[in-house]
Protein backbone atom coordinates (compact mmCIF):
# COMPACT_ATOMS: atom_id res chain seq x y z
CA MET A 1 86.99 -44.42 163.20
CA GLY A 2 89.90 -46.44 165.33
CA LEU A 3 90.65 -47.82 162.97
CA GLY A 4 93.11 -51.73 164.19
CA ARG A 5 89.93 -53.50 165.01
CA ASN A 6 88.41 -56.33 163.01
CA ILE A 7 85.78 -54.11 161.45
CA VAL A 8 84.47 -53.40 158.01
CA LEU A 9 85.23 -49.93 156.61
CA ALA A 10 87.91 -49.45 159.25
CA ALA A 11 89.66 -46.55 157.58
CA LEU A 12 86.44 -44.66 156.88
CA TRP A 13 85.03 -44.99 160.37
CA ALA A 14 88.38 -44.00 161.83
CA ALA A 15 88.20 -40.74 159.89
CA LEU A 16 84.81 -39.68 161.25
CA LEU A 17 84.40 -36.32 162.95
CA ILE A 18 81.57 -36.88 165.32
CA THR A 19 79.78 -34.68 167.95
CA VAL A 20 76.59 -32.98 171.16
CA GLN A 21 74.00 -30.51 171.82
CA GLY A 22 71.70 -29.86 174.72
CA CYS A 23 74.05 -31.30 177.36
CA LYS A 24 75.66 -29.71 180.39
CA ARG A 25 79.15 -28.76 179.33
CA TYR A 26 82.11 -26.70 180.43
CA SER A 27 80.30 -23.36 180.30
CA ASP A 28 77.92 -24.68 182.97
CA ILE A 29 80.74 -25.56 185.37
CA SER A 30 81.61 -22.83 187.83
CA GLY A 31 85.20 -21.93 188.53
CA GLU A 32 87.77 -19.18 188.84
CA ALA A 33 88.95 -17.44 185.69
CA ALA A 34 91.84 -19.19 183.97
CA ALA A 35 95.34 -17.78 183.84
CA ARG A 36 95.43 -16.86 180.15
CA ALA A 37 98.07 -15.84 177.69
CA PRO A 38 98.31 -15.57 173.90
CA ALA A 39 98.27 -19.03 172.36
CA SER A 40 101.33 -18.57 170.14
CA PRO A 41 104.08 -19.69 170.27
CA LEU A 42 102.97 -23.00 171.77
CA ALA A 43 104.69 -26.08 173.07
CA PRO A 44 103.08 -29.48 172.39
CA GLY A 45 100.61 -30.31 175.14
CA GLN A 46 99.68 -26.67 175.88
CA PHE A 47 96.04 -26.33 176.91
CA LEU A 48 93.83 -23.74 175.21
CA ASP A 49 90.38 -22.33 175.77
CA GLY A 50 87.81 -21.94 173.02
CA GLU A 51 89.22 -18.53 172.10
CA GLY A 52 92.63 -20.01 171.37
CA MET A 53 94.21 -18.57 174.51
CA ALA A 54 96.64 -20.62 176.58
CA VAL A 55 95.34 -21.75 179.98
CA ASP A 56 97.21 -23.12 182.96
CA GLY A 57 97.21 -26.87 183.50
CA LEU A 58 96.32 -26.53 187.17
CA TRP A 59 93.19 -24.65 186.18
CA VAL A 60 92.34 -27.38 183.67
CA GLY A 61 92.68 -29.96 186.44
CA ALA A 62 90.40 -27.97 188.72
CA MET A 63 87.76 -27.60 186.00
CA ALA A 64 87.97 -31.27 185.05
CA SER A 65 87.53 -32.26 188.67
CA GLN A 66 84.14 -30.53 188.73
CA ALA A 67 82.84 -32.66 185.85
CA ALA A 68 81.28 -36.11 186.12
CA TYR A 69 82.65 -37.10 182.70
CA VAL A 70 85.79 -35.74 181.04
CA LEU A 71 85.97 -36.78 177.40
CA VAL A 72 89.49 -36.40 175.99
CA GLY A 73 89.70 -36.94 172.24
CA GLU A 74 92.68 -38.22 170.30
CA GLY A 75 94.11 -38.94 166.90
CA HIS A 76 94.91 -42.61 167.37
CA PRO A 77 98.46 -42.60 165.86
CA ILE A 78 99.59 -39.33 167.49
CA ALA A 79 101.77 -39.94 170.54
CA CYS A 80 101.46 -36.32 171.71
CA ASP A 81 97.69 -36.76 172.11
CA HIS A 82 98.15 -39.68 174.47
CA LEU A 83 100.65 -37.76 176.57
CA ALA A 84 98.07 -34.98 176.88
CA GLN A 85 95.38 -37.48 177.89
CA ALA A 86 97.67 -38.86 180.58
CA ARG A 87 98.35 -35.33 181.79
CA VAL A 88 94.63 -34.57 182.15
CA ILE A 89 94.32 -37.67 184.32
CA GLU A 90 97.34 -36.62 186.40
CA LEU A 91 96.00 -33.09 186.82
CA MET A 92 92.70 -34.44 188.15
CA VAL A 93 94.56 -36.59 190.66
CA ASN A 94 96.60 -33.58 191.78
CA ALA A 95 93.38 -31.59 192.14
CA GLY A 96 92.06 -34.20 194.59
CA SER A 97 89.64 -35.93 192.24
CA PRO A 98 91.20 -39.23 191.07
CA PRO A 99 89.10 -40.56 188.19
CA VAL A 100 88.14 -43.86 186.68
CA VAL A 101 89.76 -44.22 183.24
CA GLY A 102 87.52 -45.56 180.47
CA LEU A 103 89.15 -46.83 177.28
CA GLU A 104 87.57 -46.89 173.82
CA MET A 105 90.35 -49.14 172.54
CA VAL A 106 89.45 -52.01 174.92
CA SER A 107 86.22 -53.94 174.37
CA LEU A 108 83.98 -55.21 177.15
CA ASP A 109 85.07 -58.83 176.77
CA MET A 110 88.59 -57.75 177.77
CA GLN A 111 87.52 -56.29 181.13
CA PRO A 112 88.84 -59.37 183.00
CA VAL A 113 92.32 -58.50 181.70
CA LEU A 114 91.98 -54.93 182.94
CA ASP A 115 90.76 -56.29 186.28
CA MET A 116 93.97 -58.31 186.59
CA PHE A 117 95.94 -55.14 185.85
CA ASN A 118 93.84 -53.16 188.33
CA ASN A 119 94.55 -55.78 191.01
CA ASP A 120 98.32 -55.97 190.30
CA ILE A 121 98.09 -59.54 189.00
CA ILE A 122 99.70 -58.50 185.72
CA GLY A 123 101.86 -55.48 184.95
CA ILE A 124 102.12 -53.06 182.05
CA ASP A 125 104.67 -55.23 180.24
CA GLU A 126 102.16 -58.09 180.17
CA LEU A 127 99.15 -55.96 179.31
CA GLU A 128 99.81 -55.59 175.59
CA SER A 129 99.82 -59.32 174.87
CA SER A 130 97.03 -60.08 177.35
CA LEU A 131 94.75 -57.55 175.65
CA LYS A 132 95.75 -58.87 172.19
CA TRP A 133 96.41 -55.24 171.47
CA SER A 134 98.06 -55.52 168.07
CA GLN A 135 95.30 -57.76 166.73
CA THR A 136 92.36 -55.86 168.18
CA TRP A 137 93.47 -52.22 168.03
CA GLY A 138 96.53 -52.04 165.81
CA TYR A 139 97.98 -48.68 166.84
CA PRO A 140 101.27 -49.04 168.73
CA PHE A 141 100.81 -49.89 172.40
CA ALA A 142 103.92 -47.84 173.21
CA ILE A 143 102.21 -44.53 172.43
CA TYR A 144 99.33 -45.41 174.79
CA ARG A 145 101.67 -46.56 177.55
CA PRO A 146 101.69 -43.18 179.40
CA ILE A 147 97.96 -43.59 180.08
CA PHE A 148 98.45 -47.02 181.64
CA GLU A 149 101.51 -45.84 183.58
CA THR A 150 99.57 -42.91 185.04
CA ALA A 151 96.68 -45.18 186.02
CA LYS A 152 99.05 -47.62 187.72
CA LYS A 153 101.00 -44.86 189.47
CA HIS A 154 97.83 -43.53 191.11
CA ASN A 155 95.94 -46.82 191.44
CA LEU A 156 93.16 -45.65 189.13
CA PRO A 157 90.62 -48.26 187.95
CA LEU A 158 90.57 -48.97 184.20
CA PHE A 159 87.28 -49.77 182.49
CA ALA A 160 86.75 -51.21 179.02
CA LEU A 161 84.17 -49.15 177.14
CA ASN A 162 83.62 -50.52 173.67
CA ALA A 163 81.30 -53.16 172.27
CA PRO A 164 82.91 -56.59 171.76
CA ARG A 165 84.58 -56.80 168.37
CA ASP A 166 82.65 -59.85 167.20
CA VAL A 167 79.36 -58.20 168.15
CA ALA A 168 80.22 -55.01 166.25
CA LYS A 169 81.15 -57.12 163.25
CA LYS A 170 77.81 -58.94 163.31
CA VAL A 171 75.94 -55.66 163.57
CA GLY A 172 77.91 -54.21 160.67
CA LYS A 173 77.11 -57.23 158.52
CA SER A 174 73.50 -58.04 159.43
CA GLY A 175 72.18 -55.33 161.76
CA LEU A 176 71.15 -55.28 165.40
CA LYS A 177 68.31 -57.74 164.87
CA SER A 178 70.82 -60.41 163.90
CA LEU A 179 72.31 -60.54 167.40
CA ALA A 180 71.62 -63.58 169.55
CA VAL A 181 70.46 -63.15 173.14
CA GLU A 182 73.95 -63.82 174.48
CA ASP A 183 75.36 -61.11 172.20
CA ARG A 184 72.96 -58.54 173.66
CA LEU A 185 73.75 -59.26 177.31
CA GLU A 186 76.50 -56.65 177.70
CA LEU A 187 74.93 -54.06 175.39
CA PRO A 188 72.53 -51.26 176.32
CA ALA A 189 68.88 -52.27 176.09
CA LYS A 190 68.41 -49.62 173.39
CA ILE A 191 70.99 -48.37 170.92
CA ILE A 192 70.51 -44.60 170.54
CA PRO A 193 70.57 -43.64 166.84
CA VAL A 194 72.94 -41.12 165.30
CA PRO A 195 71.59 -37.60 166.00
CA PRO A 196 69.88 -35.99 162.98
CA GLU A 197 72.21 -32.99 163.10
CA GLN A 198 75.15 -35.35 162.56
CA GLU A 199 73.79 -37.27 159.59
CA GLU A 200 74.42 -34.61 156.95
CA TYR A 201 78.11 -34.52 157.72
CA LEU A 202 78.40 -38.30 157.95
CA ARG A 203 76.66 -38.63 154.60
CA GLN A 204 79.23 -36.32 153.02
CA VAL A 205 82.07 -38.42 154.42
CA PHE A 206 80.37 -41.62 153.31
CA ASP A 207 79.59 -40.39 149.79
CA ALA A 208 83.25 -39.47 149.25
CA HIS A 209 84.17 -43.17 149.30
CA PRO A 210 83.36 -45.81 146.67
CA PHE A 211 81.15 -48.70 147.74
CA GLY A 212 80.43 -50.56 144.51
CA LYS A 213 76.88 -50.96 143.22
CA PRO A 214 74.10 -48.61 144.43
CA LYS A 215 72.41 -51.37 146.44
CA ASP A 216 75.75 -52.12 148.10
CA ALA A 217 76.15 -48.44 148.99
CA LYS A 218 72.71 -48.37 150.61
CA ALA A 219 73.55 -51.37 152.77
CA ALA A 220 76.98 -49.95 153.60
CA TRP A 221 75.44 -46.64 154.72
CA LYS A 222 73.02 -48.41 157.04
CA SER A 223 75.87 -50.48 158.46
CA PHE A 224 78.01 -47.36 158.81
CA VAL A 225 75.59 -45.40 160.98
CA THR A 226 74.34 -48.44 162.91
CA VAL A 227 77.79 -49.50 164.08
CA GLN A 228 78.65 -45.89 164.93
CA ALA A 229 75.53 -45.70 167.10
CA LEU A 230 76.42 -49.04 168.71
CA TRP A 231 79.90 -47.85 169.65
CA ASP A 232 78.85 -44.47 171.05
CA THR A 233 75.86 -45.83 172.98
CA THR A 234 77.82 -48.70 174.49
CA MET A 235 80.71 -46.47 175.54
CA ALA A 236 78.40 -43.94 177.16
CA ARG A 237 76.38 -46.54 179.04
CA ARG A 238 79.57 -48.22 180.23
CA ALA A 239 81.00 -44.88 181.44
CA VAL A 240 77.88 -44.32 183.52
CA GLU A 241 78.25 -47.80 185.00
CA ALA A 242 81.85 -46.99 185.91
CA ARG A 243 80.84 -43.75 187.62
CA VAL A 244 78.09 -45.48 189.64
CA ALA A 245 80.28 -48.45 190.58
CA MET A 246 83.34 -46.45 191.65
CA ARG A 247 81.69 -43.18 192.76
CA ARG A 248 84.32 -41.19 190.94
CA PRO A 249 84.44 -38.97 187.87
CA VAL A 250 85.23 -40.79 184.64
CA VAL A 251 87.87 -39.79 182.10
CA ILE A 252 86.86 -41.19 178.71
CA VAL A 253 89.82 -41.75 176.38
CA ALA A 254 88.47 -42.03 172.84
CA GLY A 255 89.00 -41.00 169.26
CA GLY A 256 88.20 -37.39 168.48
CA GLY A 257 85.32 -38.54 166.29
CA HIS A 258 83.50 -39.83 169.37
CA VAL A 259 84.09 -36.58 171.30
CA GLU A 260 83.98 -33.65 168.88
CA HIS A 261 80.96 -31.33 169.28
CA GLY A 262 79.40 -33.93 171.56
CA TRP A 263 77.34 -35.78 168.94
CA GLY A 264 78.94 -39.10 169.88
CA ILE A 265 79.43 -40.35 173.42
CA ALA A 266 78.37 -37.14 175.17
CA SER A 267 74.92 -37.05 173.55
CA ARG A 268 74.25 -40.52 174.95
CA LEU A 269 75.55 -39.49 178.36
CA ALA A 270 72.95 -36.73 178.29
CA THR A 271 70.32 -39.47 178.06
CA PHE A 272 71.77 -41.95 180.54
CA ASP A 273 72.94 -39.42 183.16
CA PRO A 274 71.39 -36.03 182.37
CA GLN A 275 72.63 -34.42 185.62
CA GLY A 276 76.25 -35.41 185.05
CA GLN A 277 78.43 -32.51 183.91
CA ARG A 278 80.44 -33.19 180.77
CA LEU A 279 83.73 -31.58 179.81
CA LEU A 280 84.95 -32.04 176.23
CA ILE A 281 88.68 -31.70 175.51
CA MET A 282 89.99 -32.04 171.96
CA PRO A 283 93.38 -31.89 170.22
CA TRP A 284 94.13 -28.83 168.10
CA ARG A 285 96.67 -29.09 165.30
CA GLY A 286 97.49 -25.41 164.89
CA GLY A 287 96.66 -22.97 162.11
CA GLU A 288 93.26 -21.30 162.44
CA LEU A 289 91.91 -20.79 165.94
CA PRO A 290 90.06 -23.74 167.45
CA ASP A 291 86.36 -24.00 166.67
CA LYS A 292 84.85 -23.51 170.11
CA SER A 293 81.74 -25.43 169.07
CA GLU A 294 83.89 -28.56 168.88
CA ALA A 295 84.91 -28.75 172.53
CA ASP A 296 85.17 -26.84 175.78
CA LEU A 297 88.97 -26.97 175.94
CA PHE A 298 91.79 -27.97 173.60
CA PHE A 299 95.38 -29.10 173.77
CA TYR A 300 97.94 -28.33 171.10
CA CYS A 301 99.51 -31.33 169.40
CA PRO A 302 100.84 -30.86 165.86
CA GLU A 303 99.77 -33.30 163.18
CA THR A 304 102.07 -36.29 162.84
CA LYS A 305 103.20 -36.59 159.23
CA ARG A 306 102.61 -40.09 157.92
CA PRO A 307 101.96 -41.61 154.51
CA ARG A 308 98.42 -41.33 153.21
CA LEU A 309 97.89 -44.31 150.92
CA GLY A 310 94.16 -43.78 150.42
CA ILE A 311 93.21 -47.35 151.21
CA ALA A 312 90.48 -48.81 153.44
CA LEU A 313 91.25 -52.21 154.94
CA GLU A 314 89.47 -55.01 156.75
CA VAL A 315 91.37 -57.38 159.04
CA LYS A 316 89.85 -60.84 159.47
CA ASP A 317 91.49 -64.09 160.56
CA ALA A 318 94.97 -62.54 160.21
CA THR A 319 94.20 -61.57 156.59
CA ILE A 320 94.15 -57.95 155.37
CA THR A 321 91.66 -57.24 152.58
CA VAL A 322 91.24 -54.01 150.60
CA VAL A 323 87.63 -52.82 150.96
CA GLY A 324 87.93 -49.28 149.58
CA ILE A 325 90.20 -47.09 147.45
CA GLU A 326 90.21 -43.29 147.57
CA PRO A 327 90.00 -41.82 144.05
CA GLY A 328 93.26 -40.19 142.99
CA SER A 329 95.20 -41.81 145.86
CA LYS A 330 98.64 -43.39 145.75
CA ALA A 331 96.99 -46.79 146.21
CA GLU A 332 94.82 -46.28 143.12
CA ALA A 333 97.81 -45.08 141.12
CA ALA A 334 99.74 -48.21 142.08
CA GLY A 335 96.95 -50.42 140.75
CA ILE A 336 95.55 -51.72 144.03
CA LYS A 337 91.91 -52.85 143.72
CA VAL A 338 89.06 -53.62 146.08
CA GLY A 339 89.21 -57.31 146.98
CA ASP A 340 93.00 -57.56 146.87
CA LEU A 341 94.62 -59.40 149.78
CA LEU A 342 97.77 -57.76 151.19
CA ALA A 343 100.24 -60.59 151.70
CA LYS A 344 103.63 -58.93 152.20
CA ALA A 345 105.22 -55.48 152.31
CA GLN A 346 109.01 -54.94 152.19
CA GLY A 347 109.22 -58.71 152.63
CA ILE A 348 107.24 -58.59 155.88
CA GLU A 349 104.23 -60.90 156.09
CA LEU A 350 101.09 -58.90 156.81
CA HIS A 351 98.65 -60.25 159.39
CA LYS A 352 97.64 -57.05 161.20
CA LEU A 353 97.65 -53.32 160.55
CA SER A 354 100.73 -52.72 162.67
CA ASP A 355 102.67 -55.03 160.28
CA LEU A 356 101.80 -52.69 157.40
CA HIS A 357 102.80 -49.69 159.51
CA ASP A 358 106.19 -51.27 160.30
CA ALA A 359 106.77 -52.11 156.64
CA THR A 360 105.93 -48.55 155.59
CA MET A 361 108.41 -47.15 158.10
CA ARG A 362 111.05 -49.52 156.73
CA ALA A 363 110.25 -48.33 153.19
CA PHE A 364 110.89 -44.75 154.30
CA GLU A 365 114.30 -45.78 155.62
CA GLU A 366 115.16 -47.59 152.41
CA GLU A 367 114.46 -46.30 148.92
CA GLY A 368 111.12 -44.59 149.68
CA THR A 369 109.06 -47.14 147.75
CA LEU A 370 106.64 -49.51 149.45
CA ARG A 371 106.85 -52.96 147.82
CA LEU A 372 103.55 -54.81 148.17
CA GLU A 373 102.84 -58.42 147.39
CA ILE A 374 99.12 -58.88 146.84
CA ILE A 375 96.90 -61.85 146.11
CA ARG A 376 94.33 -61.15 143.39
CA GLN A 377 91.99 -63.88 142.20
CA GLY A 378 94.32 -66.49 143.64
CA ARG A 379 97.46 -65.18 141.94
CA SER A 380 100.35 -63.27 143.48
CA GLU A 381 101.34 -59.87 142.07
CA GLU A 382 103.88 -57.27 143.14
CA LEU A 383 102.95 -53.58 143.21
CA PHE A 384 104.95 -50.50 144.14
CA ILE A 385 103.78 -47.33 145.92
CA THR A 386 106.04 -44.27 145.89
CA LEU A 387 105.88 -42.75 149.37
CA PRO A 388 105.96 -39.00 150.03
CA SER A 389 109.09 -37.49 151.43
CA PRO A 390 108.78 -37.07 155.22
CA LYS A 391 110.20 -33.56 154.80
CA SER A 392 107.52 -32.60 152.29
CA GLY A 393 104.68 -33.61 154.57
CA SER A 394 102.67 -34.65 151.52
């Protein structure tokens, strides 16, 4: 729950905490004992075991090299997470097991662009525009750049993992049965449903957000879990294809919601490639010790403080529409309503989520108030959101 993509309920899905059971994980992989030390104090990027003890990066590389699939979760906007993902890839190369790199943030229809990058036809500086990154993902390309630089440095193949955006949109609106034959060509023959043990948590997340009339909520819930299943199944199947095609281990770079506990991608890998070892690595933000049921290993990256407006957005045809408001949020207090179109912020025209991010950063640098121009029922209105102080972390 990117999350950037042209999807309904983007903010909600981006917030999901998803997860796996019954699959071969880190504890099944043999190896020498890690060099361990107390986890505190920690530097960003420090690797940890499930007990919260620091482990050496070389050992992490050796363990990762014994896995068929290394799933490294992320918080999409957190630059530290992407540096850690790049380091896992580098450590595997240094351990003599150069991987394929699979990317959640690139959909299957963009594989030809990655092929041009893989074959040195285009470079990193051309990749952002060629992938239409700002329109299709929305999080800054610059914070993902270390992953692409590491892949290029070591000549590692990049594979798109996710379902095409238009296909996911159709599924979210009308279900899997609405897809035409041509839409199904790149998808798995069967979409594996959300595991039962995951549904209770997802329902709690879903119920915390307003979705209008009861019948609308029922349809939204079905769309919610169906699209989640589509994403996780497609990414897992594609990762298996990458492993078979390249005869290498696969590092899967994806949001923590698709990695955590293994209910997401890893549970589908257990179906498609049951003999393939899976290693789950997740970010840890500090505070209480990591929950060792979430992953096999962790890396420490503190939470990036950023404004929480409490607003769910849909991006379609360069138009940003409000599709959900969190009760008690700054957006609700400012008077923003479901159905509003976000036209401008701080005088910046809004066509994609990164435009709103840039405007919010400008608001921080100015008077600390985000000035929004919205379109409601065909008329323009100006609303103001008071942003939290960066020092307060609120």
